[in-house]
Every structure is written in structure tokens, then in C-alpha cells.
Amino acid sequence: MKKKSKEAQEEKKQTVELPALDFFKINIVSFLLPLYACLGLFLIFEYYIIILLSIPLIIHLIILPAVLLFLYFLYLIILIEFTTFWVNYWHRKSPPQQGVFKRELDDVNSEEGKRIKYYHKRGFIIKYPMWLTSKSFFPWLVNRSLRKVGHNKIGKNVIYCDAYVGLEFTDLGNDVFIYPTSGLSSHAVNSIFGKISIMEIKLDNNTTLYPGNIVGPNAVTTKNNVIFPNTILHKNWRGKPEKFYYQGSPGRPIEVKHLK
């Protein structure tokens, strides 16, 4: 029993928790204030335009959906800006770094502990705007979230189709297409060694990720690479020169004769 109790205590110590005060500040300032701002604009619209100008009910009902859609879009933009404010503040306190670091969760005042603390804070705050924009009527705003909040490099015409996006340290070239259920992760937890790897993912121009693919830290594709379904591009993965098609775990070059 003592052994089990000790193991439970050690497991509890390794749990990452966001402090209640930080959780409160992030939600109130970043998420609710933009909502209140848009709600205020809606009330102003209803009072000063609809009521004071005596707009007929039928006209009101016709223009109301467009107004609500605009306010929804405005809410997403303001939300991204507010979350960017927090992330920029955290960047000044602990700038993101690439490398392999000790996963220190007990001493948040140490250099390693501080780095991990702010890493988890950044990962927490970006998830809501990223998820909300991807599920909205304006899915292209997910790229704005990743650029501004996550400080990622996102090229032109990059399309995520309900995929698990890289929250930070991703460099996506132009015309990258990512199918549903694929996932990018610029970090990997090496639990057995008590370390965490945080390194940039680079997908070059015209890279295509089919469904079910996993891309790990420091994986790099080259121009026109096509990664077929259920392929693993593990940490530090590299392709072969003049090879464009890959599949398997890990991803290996394959011949696709009918595409030649």
C-alpha cells in the first residue's frame, strides 16, 4: 500500500496544471471581453439603428443574419488579437527555444521549469481560438491564429482540413495541403529520459499530407512531397533526394507508376 501511495504521489507531481488565477485571467481577458465588445455593438445596432430609425420588422429580419455574421467574424478577429497580447507578454518573460530540454515540472522557478511553464501556457491559450476558427464559417482564420498567436510561418494557400495543427514552431510553405485526421507536433515527450524535444517542423511548397499522417519535431519535407495515408514522419525525419512519394512507419520512398 505504501508503495502504491508513493507511486501515486510521484505521478501527481508530474501532472501539468494551469494555476487557477492564470486560467481566470486568460478566460476573462482573452475570451469574454471580445464577446462583451461584440454584444455591446449588437445592442448599439439594435437601439440606434433599428429602434431610433424605426426600421420595419421585415427589413430588420432581413439584415439581422448579416449583422450577426459580421459580429461573429469580428469576435474571432478580436479574440485572436487578445490572445496574441498574452502570448507576446509571455514571449518577453520566456522566449520560445528549440532543443531538447529537461522536463522540469516541480521547480517552476528554475530555467528549465520556467521554460516548460510558459510552453504549456502558450499551448493552452492558442487551442481555443485555433479550434473556434477552424469550426467557424471562416476556416481560413485558423492560419491567422497560427501566425499571430503561435508565431508560426504559414505560406499562401495553406489548407488544413480538420487536422491537428502544429501549435508553434511550424514552417509551412506555399500550397501545403493537409487532409483530415493528420497531425503535426513540434514537441515530443521522451518520458523515459525525463526530457522534452521542441523543434520546428518544415513542410516545403506543395507538400501534401494524406489522412492519418503524423509529423514529429524537426521533420522536413521537400518541394512536391506527397505523404500517403497512415505514414509516420518521426522526429528528425528526412526524405531521399529526388524521391517525392512516401508511405509507411517510418515514411519510406515508394514508386507511383500511374502518376508518372
Protein backbone atom coordinates (compact mmCIF):
# COMPACT_ATOMS: atom_id res chain seq x y z
CA MET A 1 0.00 0.00 0.00
CA LYS A 2 2.83 2.38 0.87
CA LYS A 3 4.49 1.61 -2.45
CA LYS A 4 1.29 2.37 -4.35
CA SER A 5 0.77 5.56 -2.37
CA LYS A 6 4.30 6.70 -3.17
CA GLU A 7 3.82 5.96 -6.88
CA ALA A 8 0.55 7.92 -6.86
CA GLN A 9 2.26 10.90 -5.25
CA GLU A 10 5.06 10.82 -7.83
CA GLU A 11 2.53 10.61 -10.66
CA LYS A 12 0.63 13.55 -9.17
CA LYS A 13 3.81 15.61 -9.04
CA GLN A 14 4.32 15.08 -12.77
CA THR A 15 0.84 16.41 -13.63
CA VAL A 16 0.82 19.70 -15.53
CA GLU A 17 -1.79 22.07 -14.11
CA LEU A 18 -2.58 25.64 -15.08
CA PRO A 19 -2.84 27.84 -11.96
CA ALA A 20 -6.43 28.94 -11.21
CA LEU A 21 -5.52 32.64 -11.35
CA ASP A 22 -3.91 32.28 -14.77
CA PHE A 23 -6.91 30.28 -16.00
CA PHE A 24 -9.25 33.05 -14.79
CA LYS A 25 -7.21 35.87 -16.35
CA ILE A 26 -6.83 34.11 -19.68
CA ASN A 27 -10.54 33.32 -19.98
CA ILE A 28 -11.83 36.71 -18.82
CA VAL A 29 -9.42 38.94 -20.73
CA SER A 30 -8.92 36.87 -23.86
CA PHE A 31 -12.25 35.15 -24.35
CA LEU A 32 -15.05 37.06 -22.60
CA LEU A 33 -14.04 40.68 -23.25
CA PRO A 34 -14.20 40.26 -27.05
CA LEU A 35 -17.63 38.67 -26.57
CA TYR A 36 -18.83 41.59 -24.46
CA ALA A 37 -17.45 44.05 -27.01
CA CYS A 38 -19.41 42.40 -29.82
CA LEU A 39 -22.51 42.16 -27.64
CA GLY A 40 -22.22 45.89 -26.97
CA LEU A 41 -22.01 46.60 -30.70
CA PHE A 42 -25.10 44.48 -31.26
CA LEU A 43 -27.06 46.45 -28.64
CA ILE A 44 -25.91 49.73 -30.19
CA PHE A 45 -27.05 48.49 -33.59
CA GLU A 46 -30.46 47.47 -32.22
CA TYR A 47 -31.03 50.75 -30.37
CA TYR A 48 -29.53 53.44 -32.59
CA ILE A 49 -30.35 51.92 -35.97
CA ILE A 50 -33.37 49.67 -35.56
CA ILE A 51 -35.31 51.49 -32.82
CA LEU A 52 -34.42 55.14 -33.35
CA LEU A 53 -34.72 54.93 -37.13
CA SER A 54 -37.92 52.87 -36.85
CA ILE A 55 -36.70 50.17 -39.24
CA PRO A 56 -39.63 47.91 -40.26
CA LEU A 57 -39.61 44.43 -38.80
CA ILE A 58 -39.28 42.71 -42.16
CA ILE A 59 -36.16 44.78 -43.02
CA HIS A 60 -34.80 44.08 -39.53
CA LEU A 61 -35.18 40.32 -40.04
CA ILE A 62 -33.54 40.52 -43.48
CA ILE A 63 -30.40 42.36 -42.34
CA LEU A 64 -30.08 40.69 -38.92
CA PRO A 65 -28.31 37.48 -40.14
CA ALA A 66 -25.68 39.56 -41.97
CA VAL A 67 -25.12 41.69 -38.87
CA LEU A 68 -24.73 38.62 -36.64
CA LEU A 69 -22.35 37.02 -39.12
CA PHE A 70 -20.25 40.18 -39.21
CA LEU A 71 -20.16 40.34 -35.39
CA TYR A 72 -19.14 36.68 -35.28
CA PHE A 73 -16.27 37.41 -37.66
CA LEU A 74 -15.32 40.48 -35.60
CA TYR A 75 -15.35 38.40 -32.41
CA LEU A 76 -12.87 35.95 -33.92
CA ILE A 77 -10.55 38.76 -35.00
CA ILE A 78 -10.63 40.45 -31.59
CA LEU A 79 -10.16 37.07 -29.87
CA ILE A 80 -7.02 36.42 -31.91
CA GLU A 81 -5.66 39.88 -31.06
CA PHE A 82 -6.31 39.45 -27.33
CA THR A 83 -4.68 36.03 -27.19
CA THR A 84 -1.75 37.43 -29.17
CA PHE A 85 -1.37 40.08 -26.46
CA TRP A 86 -0.93 37.40 -23.78
CA VAL A 87 1.47 35.32 -25.86
CA ASN A 88 3.65 38.35 -26.66
CA TYR A 89 3.80 39.12 -22.94
CA TRP A 90 4.89 35.55 -22.19
CA HIS A 91 7.44 35.66 -25.01
CA ARG A 92 9.16 38.58 -23.27
CA LYS A 93 9.26 36.65 -19.99
CA SER A 94 10.44 33.39 -21.54
CA PRO A 95 11.17 33.37 -25.30
CA PRO A 96 10.40 30.03 -27.01
CA GLN A 97 13.50 27.98 -27.76
CA GLN A 98 14.19 24.92 -29.85
CA GLY A 99 16.13 21.98 -28.48
CA VAL A 100 15.94 19.02 -26.11
CA PHE A 101 15.21 20.15 -22.56
CA LYS A 102 14.79 18.60 -19.17
CA ARG A 103 11.09 18.22 -18.41
CA GLU A 104 11.18 20.01 -15.08
CA LEU A 105 7.68 20.27 -13.56
CA ASP A 106 8.47 20.60 -9.85
CA ASP A 107 10.62 23.75 -9.74
CA VAL A 108 8.90 26.38 -11.90
CA ASN A 109 11.48 28.99 -10.87
CA SER A 110 14.40 27.16 -12.44
CA GLU A 111 15.38 27.94 -16.02
CA GLU A 112 14.05 24.60 -17.29
CA GLY A 113 10.90 24.84 -15.17
CA LYS A 114 10.18 28.37 -16.37
CA ARG A 115 10.61 27.33 -19.99
CA ILE A 116 8.20 24.41 -19.58
CA LYS A 117 5.69 26.54 -17.65
CA TYR A 118 5.40 29.15 -20.38
CA TYR A 119 5.43 26.47 -23.06
CA HIS A 120 2.32 24.93 -21.51
CA LYS A 121 0.70 28.36 -21.12
CA ARG A 122 1.20 29.13 -24.80
CA GLY A 123 -0.15 25.70 -25.73
CA PHE A 124 -3.25 26.29 -23.59
CA ILE A 125 -4.16 29.74 -24.85
CA ILE A 126 -3.86 29.02 -28.58
CA LYS A 127 -6.14 25.98 -28.59
CA TYR A 128 -9.44 27.82 -28.18
CA PRO A 129 -9.03 30.43 -30.96
CA MET A 130 -7.48 27.78 -33.22
CA TRP A 131 -10.38 25.36 -32.63
CA LEU A 132 -13.06 28.06 -32.88
CA THR A 133 -11.74 29.50 -36.14
CA SER A 134 -11.35 26.07 -37.72
CA LYS A 135 -15.01 25.24 -36.92
CA SER A 136 -16.37 28.63 -37.95
CA PHE A 137 -17.74 29.97 -41.23
CA PHE A 138 -14.27 31.46 -41.76
CA PRO A 139 -11.88 28.47 -41.50
CA TRP A 140 -9.07 30.42 -43.18
CA LEU A 141 -8.75 32.37 -39.92
CA VAL A 142 -7.03 29.34 -38.38
CA ASN A 143 -3.93 30.41 -40.31
CA ARG A 144 -4.21 33.88 -38.79
CA SER A 145 -4.37 32.27 -35.33
CA LEU A 146 -1.31 30.15 -36.03
CA ARG A 147 0.66 33.10 -37.40
CA LYS A 148 -0.22 35.66 -34.73
CA VAL A 149 -0.77 33.58 -31.59
CA GLY A 150 1.60 30.69 -32.34
CA HIS A 151 4.18 32.77 -34.26
CA ASN A 152 4.22 30.09 -36.95
CA LYS A 153 5.34 30.64 -40.53
CA ILE A 154 2.37 29.89 -42.76
CA GLY A 155 2.68 30.41 -46.51
CA LYS A 156 0.00 31.21 -49.07
CA ASN A 157 -2.88 28.82 -49.80
CA VAL A 158 -2.11 26.55 -46.85
CA ILE A 159 -5.21 24.43 -46.15
CA TYR A 160 -5.97 22.40 -43.04
CA CYS A 161 -8.92 20.01 -43.40
CA ASP A 162 -9.88 19.38 -39.76
CA ALA A 163 -6.35 18.27 -38.93
CA TYR A 164 -4.36 18.52 -35.71
CA VAL A 165 -2.28 21.59 -36.38
CA GLY A 166 1.17 22.44 -35.05
CA LEU A 167 0.60 24.98 -32.27
CA GLU A 168 4.05 26.57 -32.63
CA PHE A 169 7.38 26.03 -34.39
CA THR A 170 5.88 25.08 -37.74
CA ASP A 171 7.11 26.43 -41.06
CA LEU A 172 4.67 25.64 -43.86
CA GLY A 173 5.47 26.67 -47.42
CA ASN A 174 3.01 27.78 -50.08
CA ASP A 175 0.20 25.47 -51.26
CA VAL A 176 0.63 22.92 -48.45
CA PHE A 177 -2.48 20.74 -48.19
CA ILE A 178 -3.22 18.74 -45.02
CA TYR A 179 -6.09 16.24 -45.11
CA PRO A 180 -8.37 15.45 -42.14
CA THR A 181 -7.01 13.44 -39.18
CA SER A 182 -3.37 14.19 -39.93
CA GLY A 183 -1.37 15.73 -37.11
CA LEU A 184 1.66 17.97 -36.65
CA SER A 185 3.51 18.11 -33.35
CA SER A 186 6.61 20.22 -32.89
CA HIS A 187 7.19 18.67 -29.47
CA ALA A 188 7.72 15.13 -28.26
CA VAL A 189 7.89 14.00 -24.64
CA ASN A 190 10.67 11.49 -24.01
CA SER A 191 9.23 10.28 -20.71
CA ILE A 192 11.77 7.52 -20.15
CA PHE A 193 14.57 10.11 -20.18
CA GLY A 194 12.57 12.88 -18.49
CA LYS A 195 13.11 15.23 -21.43
CA ILE A 196 11.02 17.10 -23.99
CA SER A 197 12.05 17.82 -27.59
CA ILE A 198 10.81 21.10 -29.07
CA MET A 199 11.90 21.60 -32.69
CA GLU A 200 10.48 23.21 -35.81
CA ILE A 201 8.58 21.24 -38.45
CA LYS A 202 9.22 22.32 -42.05
CA LEU A 203 6.89 21.36 -44.87
CA ASP A 204 8.13 22.77 -48.17
CA ASN A 205 5.98 24.14 -51.01
CA ASN A 206 3.27 21.84 -52.43
CA THR A 207 3.64 19.22 -49.70
CA THR A 208 0.51 17.07 -49.36
CA LEU A 209 -0.30 15.12 -46.20
CA TYR A 210 -3.00 12.49 -46.69
CA PRO A 211 -5.27 11.33 -43.79
CA GLY A 212 -3.82 9.65 -40.75
CA ASN A 213 -0.28 11.01 -41.05
CA ILE A 214 1.81 12.07 -38.06
CA VAL A 215 4.65 14.59 -38.38
CA GLY A 216 7.08 14.91 -35.48
CA PRO A 217 9.59 17.56 -34.34
CA ASN A 218 12.31 18.56 -36.82
CA ALA A 219 10.74 16.56 -39.64
CA VAL A 220 11.43 18.20 -43.00
CA THR A 221 9.76 17.61 -46.36
CA THR A 222 10.99 18.94 -49.69
CA LYS A 223 9.10 20.55 -52.54
CA ASN A 224 6.25 18.49 -54.03
CA ASN A 225 6.48 15.70 -51.46
CA VAL A 226 3.33 13.56 -51.20
CA ILE A 227 2.89 11.67 -47.93
CA PHE A 228 0.36 8.87 -48.38
CA PRO A 229 -2.13 7.80 -45.64
CA ASN A 230 -1.09 6.41 -42.25
CA THR A 231 2.54 7.45 -42.57
CA ILE A 232 4.80 8.49 -39.70
CA LEU A 233 7.39 11.20 -40.24
CA HIS A 234 9.18 10.72 -36.95
CA LYS A 235 11.41 13.16 -35.11
CA ASN A 236 14.28 14.36 -37.33
CA TRP A 237 12.77 12.60 -40.38
CA ARG A 238 14.31 13.33 -43.78
CA GLY A 239 13.35 12.08 -47.23
CA LYS A 240 15.59 10.84 -50.03
CA PRO A 241 16.91 13.08 -52.84
CA GLU A 242 14.65 13.14 -55.91
CA LYS A 243 12.03 10.97 -54.16
CA PHE A 244 8.57 12.52 -53.88
CA TYR A 245 6.18 9.83 -52.62
CA TYR A 246 6.36 8.29 -49.14
CA GLN A 247 4.42 5.81 -47.06
CA GLY A 248 4.87 3.61 -44.02
CA SER A 249 6.14 3.84 -40.48
CA PRO A 250 8.58 5.48 -40.76
CA GLY A 251 7.89 7.09 -44.14
CA ARG A 252 9.86 5.38 -46.92
CA PRO A 253 10.04 6.23 -50.63
CA ILE A 254 7.59 4.39 -52.87
CA GLU A 255 7.09 4.25 -56.64
CA VAL A 256 3.80 5.52 -58.01
CA LYS A 257 3.92 4.50 -61.66
CA HIS A 258 0.50 5.73 -62.73
CA LEU A 259 1.36 9.28 -61.60
CA LYS A 260 4.46 9.47 -63.80
